[in-house]
Protein backbone atom coordinates (compact mmCIF):
# COMPACT_ATOMS: atom_id res chain seq x y z
CA MET A 1 65.33 25.59 16.75
CA SER A 2 61.97 23.88 17.16
CA ASP A 3 59.95 23.14 14.04
CA SER A 4 56.68 22.76 15.95
CA ARG A 5 55.26 25.86 14.21
CA ILE A 6 55.22 23.95 10.91
CA PHE A 7 52.60 21.58 12.23
CA VAL A 8 50.36 24.13 13.86
CA GLY A 9 46.77 23.80 12.60
CA LEU A 10 47.19 20.29 11.15
CA LYS A 11 44.42 17.87 12.13
CA SER A 12 44.62 14.17 12.63
CA ALA A 13 43.82 12.16 9.50
CA LYS A 14 41.76 9.73 11.56
CA LYS A 15 38.04 10.26 11.23
CA LYS A 16 35.99 10.40 14.35
CA SER A 17 33.64 7.46 14.62
CA LYS A 18 30.10 8.47 13.85
CA ALA A 19 27.57 8.11 16.61
CA ALA A 20 25.11 5.33 15.94
CA GLU A 21 22.27 6.77 13.89
CA VAL A 22 19.01 6.76 15.79
CA PRO A 23 15.89 6.31 13.62
CA THR A 24 13.50 9.22 13.72
CA GLY A 25 9.85 9.56 12.81
CA PRO A 26 6.38 9.14 14.29
CA GLN A 27 5.85 6.87 17.26
CA CYS A 28 4.79 3.28 16.54
CA GLN A 29 0.98 3.19 16.55
CA TRP A 30 0.76 -0.23 18.18
CA HIS A 31 -0.93 0.18 21.57
CA GLY A 32 1.64 0.65 24.33
CA CYS A 33 4.70 0.68 22.03
CA GLU A 34 7.12 3.60 22.43
CA LYS A 35 9.46 2.76 19.53
CA VAL A 36 9.67 4.79 16.32
CA GLY A 37 7.22 3.75 13.58
CA THR A 38 9.47 3.30 10.55
CA HIS A 39 7.27 0.93 8.51
CA ARG A 40 4.06 1.77 6.63
CA ALA A 41 1.06 -0.55 6.91
CA PRO A 42 -1.93 -0.21 4.54
CA VAL A 43 -5.34 0.30 6.17
CA GLY A 44 -7.35 -1.68 3.58
CA ALA A 45 -10.94 -1.49 2.33
CA GLY A 46 -12.56 1.82 3.18
CA GLY A 47 -9.16 3.36 3.83
CA GLU A 48 -7.50 3.12 0.42
CA GLY A 49 -4.50 5.45 0.27
CA LEU A 50 -4.21 5.59 4.08
CA PHE A 51 -1.59 3.79 6.15
CA LEU A 52 -0.49 3.28 9.75
CA MET A 53 3.09 3.45 11.04
CA PHE A 54 4.59 0.59 13.07
CA CYS A 55 8.04 -0.42 14.31
CA LEU A 56 9.71 -3.52 12.79
CA ASP A 57 8.33 -5.92 15.43
CA HIS A 58 4.76 -4.68 15.13
CA ILE A 59 4.68 -4.42 11.32
CA LYS A 60 5.40 -8.16 11.37
CA GLU A 61 2.48 -8.75 13.74
CA TYR A 62 0.23 -6.56 11.60
CA ASN A 63 1.26 -8.33 8.37
CA LYS A 64 0.54 -11.77 9.84
CA GLY A 65 -3.09 -10.92 10.52
CA TYR A 66 -3.73 -8.45 7.68
CA ASN A 67 -6.39 -8.84 5.02
CA PHE A 68 -7.57 -6.04 2.72
CA SER A 69 -11.06 -6.52 4.15
CA PRO A 70 -11.12 -5.83 7.92
CA ASP A 71 -13.86 -8.48 8.26
CA LEU A 72 -11.32 -11.14 7.23
CA SER A 73 -8.36 -9.81 9.24
CA ASP A 74 -7.14 -11.07 12.60
CA PRO A 75 -9.33 -9.42 15.32
CA VAL A 76 -6.46 -7.29 16.69
CA VAL A 77 -5.40 -6.10 13.22
CA ALA A 78 -9.04 -5.53 12.22
CA ARG A 79 -9.44 -3.18 15.19
CA TYR A 80 -6.52 -1.04 14.00
CA GLN A 81 -7.99 -0.98 10.47
CA ARG A 82 -11.48 0.04 11.61
CA GLU A 83 -10.15 2.72 13.96
CA ALA A 84 -8.06 4.20 11.14
CA ILE A 85 -11.06 4.18 8.76
CA SER A 86 -13.35 5.84 11.31
CA GLY A 87 -10.72 8.41 12.30
CA ALA A 88 -10.45 7.14 15.87
CA ARG A 89 -6.79 6.24 15.20
CA PRO A 90 -4.62 8.79 13.31
CA SER A 91 -3.48 7.64 9.87
CA PHE A 92 -1.22 9.02 7.16
CA GLY A 93 -1.57 9.51 3.41
CA LYS A 94 -4.60 10.67 1.45
CA PRO A 95 -7.85 8.74 0.91
CA ILE A 96 -8.32 7.59 -2.68
CA VAL A 97 -11.64 8.77 -4.07
CA GLU A 98 -12.68 7.30 -7.41
CA ALA A 99 -15.40 8.77 -9.59
CA THR A 100 -18.32 6.36 -9.79
CA GLU A 101 -20.52 8.34 -12.19
CA LEU A 102 -20.12 10.17 -15.49
CA PRO A 103 -19.28 13.87 -15.03
CA MET A 104 -22.23 16.22 -15.38
CA PRO A 105 -22.16 18.29 -18.61
CA PHE A 106 -21.98 21.59 -16.74
CA THR A 107 -18.90 20.62 -14.67
CA VAL A 108 -16.52 21.01 -17.65
CA ARG A 109 -16.52 23.23 -20.70
CA SER A 110 -18.78 21.80 -23.36
CA GLY A 111 -16.99 20.54 -26.47
CA SER A 112 -13.50 20.91 -25.00
CA ALA A 113 -10.98 18.08 -25.34
CA LYS A 114 -10.87 17.81 -21.56
CA SER A 115 -14.64 17.36 -21.39
CA LEU A 116 -14.75 14.75 -24.14
CA ASN A 117 -11.86 12.74 -22.70
CA ALA A 118 -13.37 12.80 -19.21
CA ARG A 119 -16.69 11.49 -20.51
CA LYS A 120 -15.02 8.84 -22.64
CA SER A 121 -12.78 7.45 -19.88
CA ALA A 122 -15.65 7.42 -17.37
CA ALA A 123 -17.87 5.59 -19.87
CA GLU A 124 -15.11 3.05 -20.56
CA ARG A 125 -14.62 2.37 -16.85
CA LEU A 126 -18.36 1.90 -16.38
CA MET A 127 -18.53 -0.52 -19.32
CA GLN A 128 -15.54 -2.52 -18.06
CA LYS A 129 -17.14 -2.77 -14.64
CA ARG A 130 -20.44 -4.03 -16.08
CA GLU A 131 -18.64 -6.55 -18.29
CA ALA A 132 -16.68 -7.86 -15.33
CA GLN A 133 -19.87 -8.20 -13.27
CA ALA A 134 -21.71 -10.00 -16.07
CA ARG A 135 -18.86 -12.38 -16.79
CA LYS A 136 -18.82 -15.67 -14.90
CA LEU A 137 -15.45 -16.12 -13.27
CA LYS A 138 -13.38 -19.25 -13.65
CA VAL A 139 -12.14 -20.98 -10.50
CA LEU A 140 -8.58 -19.62 -10.82
CA GLU A 141 -9.83 -16.10 -11.54
CA ALA A 142 -12.09 -16.11 -8.47
CA LYS A 143 -9.22 -17.46 -6.37
CA ALA A 144 -6.94 -14.69 -7.70
CA PHE A 145 -9.41 -11.98 -6.61
CA GLU A 146 -9.70 -13.68 -3.22
CA THR A 147 -5.89 -13.79 -2.81
CA LEU A 148 -5.64 -10.06 -3.51
CA GLY A 149 -8.60 -9.36 -1.20
CA LEU A 150 -10.59 -7.65 -3.95
CA PRO A 151 -14.23 -7.88 -5.09
CA HIS A 152 -14.86 -9.51 -8.49
CA ASP A 153 -15.83 -6.16 -10.02
CA ALA A 154 -12.55 -4.44 -9.09
CA THR A 155 -11.20 -2.08 -11.74
CA PRO A 156 -7.80 -2.59 -13.43
CA ASP A 157 -6.43 0.35 -11.41
CA GLN A 158 -7.60 -1.22 -8.15
CA ILE A 159 -6.07 -4.59 -9.10
CA ASN A 160 -2.70 -3.06 -10.03
CA ARG A 161 -2.66 -0.84 -6.94
CA ARG A 162 -3.42 -3.79 -4.64
CA TYR A 163 -0.73 -5.87 -6.37
CA LYS A 164 1.91 -3.19 -5.72
CA GLU A 165 0.78 -2.79 -2.09
CA ARG A 166 1.07 -6.52 -1.39
CA ILE A 167 4.43 -6.82 -3.17
CA LYS A 168 5.85 -4.11 -0.89
CA LEU A 169 4.15 -5.63 2.15
CA HIS A 170 5.50 -9.15 1.64
CA HIS A 171 8.89 -8.37 0.07
CA PRO A 172 11.76 -10.22 1.85
CA ASP A 173 13.48 -6.90 2.64
CA SER A 174 10.45 -5.87 4.70
CA ASN A 175 9.94 -9.18 6.48
CA ALA A 176 13.39 -10.45 7.43
CA GLY A 177 13.01 -13.67 5.44
CA ASN A 178 9.68 -14.65 7.01
CA ARG A 179 8.59 -17.88 5.25
CA ALA A 180 4.88 -17.10 5.58
CA SER A 181 5.45 -13.73 3.95
CA GLU A 182 7.42 -15.37 1.11
CA ALA A 183 4.43 -17.63 0.42
CA GLU A 184 2.11 -14.60 0.38
CA LEU A 185 4.47 -12.83 -2.03
CA GLN A 186 4.44 -15.79 -4.44
CA ALA A 187 0.64 -16.11 -4.20
CA THR A 188 0.27 -12.37 -4.96
CA ILE A 189 2.50 -12.63 -8.06
CA GLU A 190 0.56 -15.67 -9.35
CA ALA A 191 -2.83 -14.03 -8.71
CA HIS A 192 -1.86 -10.87 -10.61
CA LYS A 193 -0.46 -12.96 -13.46
CA ILE A 194 -3.76 -14.87 -13.80
CA LEU A 195 -5.84 -11.67 -13.81
CA LYS A 196 -3.52 -10.01 -16.33
CA LEU A 197 -3.57 -13.00 -18.70
CA ASN A 198 -7.38 -13.03 -18.60
CA GLY A 199 -7.78 -9.33 -19.36
CA PHE A 200 -8.79 -8.01 -15.94
CA CYS A 201 -5.85 -5.60 -15.80
CA GLY A 202 -2.98 -4.35 -17.94
């Protein structure tokens, strides 16, 4: 008598090899490239909060010529930055809009905790900005702002945000051990340390 019925329905213990995973996402925004854009690239001044998407090869090219200010970037990179700022080239994220003036009294309920806190924080930011502008920078402090690509009157939030952006941008995991990027990473860490020690950010 055959015992083949005992094994009916049993499946092989061997797992089928998974098909190689193909990256998905938006197309690389480098002109003429048809690869998938898997890496975010910050736009810079005038486009805070916005970013472009490039493939691994082109994020490296972008990083090499990138400066927060498009005027100081490599000409090719600067073109991508300006097009993203003007809207000629699609970008992702949300623009960061910072309040530059004290809120008007009628925009929030008078006497409420929300109203008082809003006025207080806006006044503190304005005072910090004026103090920073009036203060004469030391050589290392000025160099630190230059390294981060920020104006001397940048707020603590702007300094910390730029620091985080550049750390991600030049991290070894994002740049395949690129020596130039390692140097930029170290310079960014030192610049932030100087500004923090001298009270420009927390």
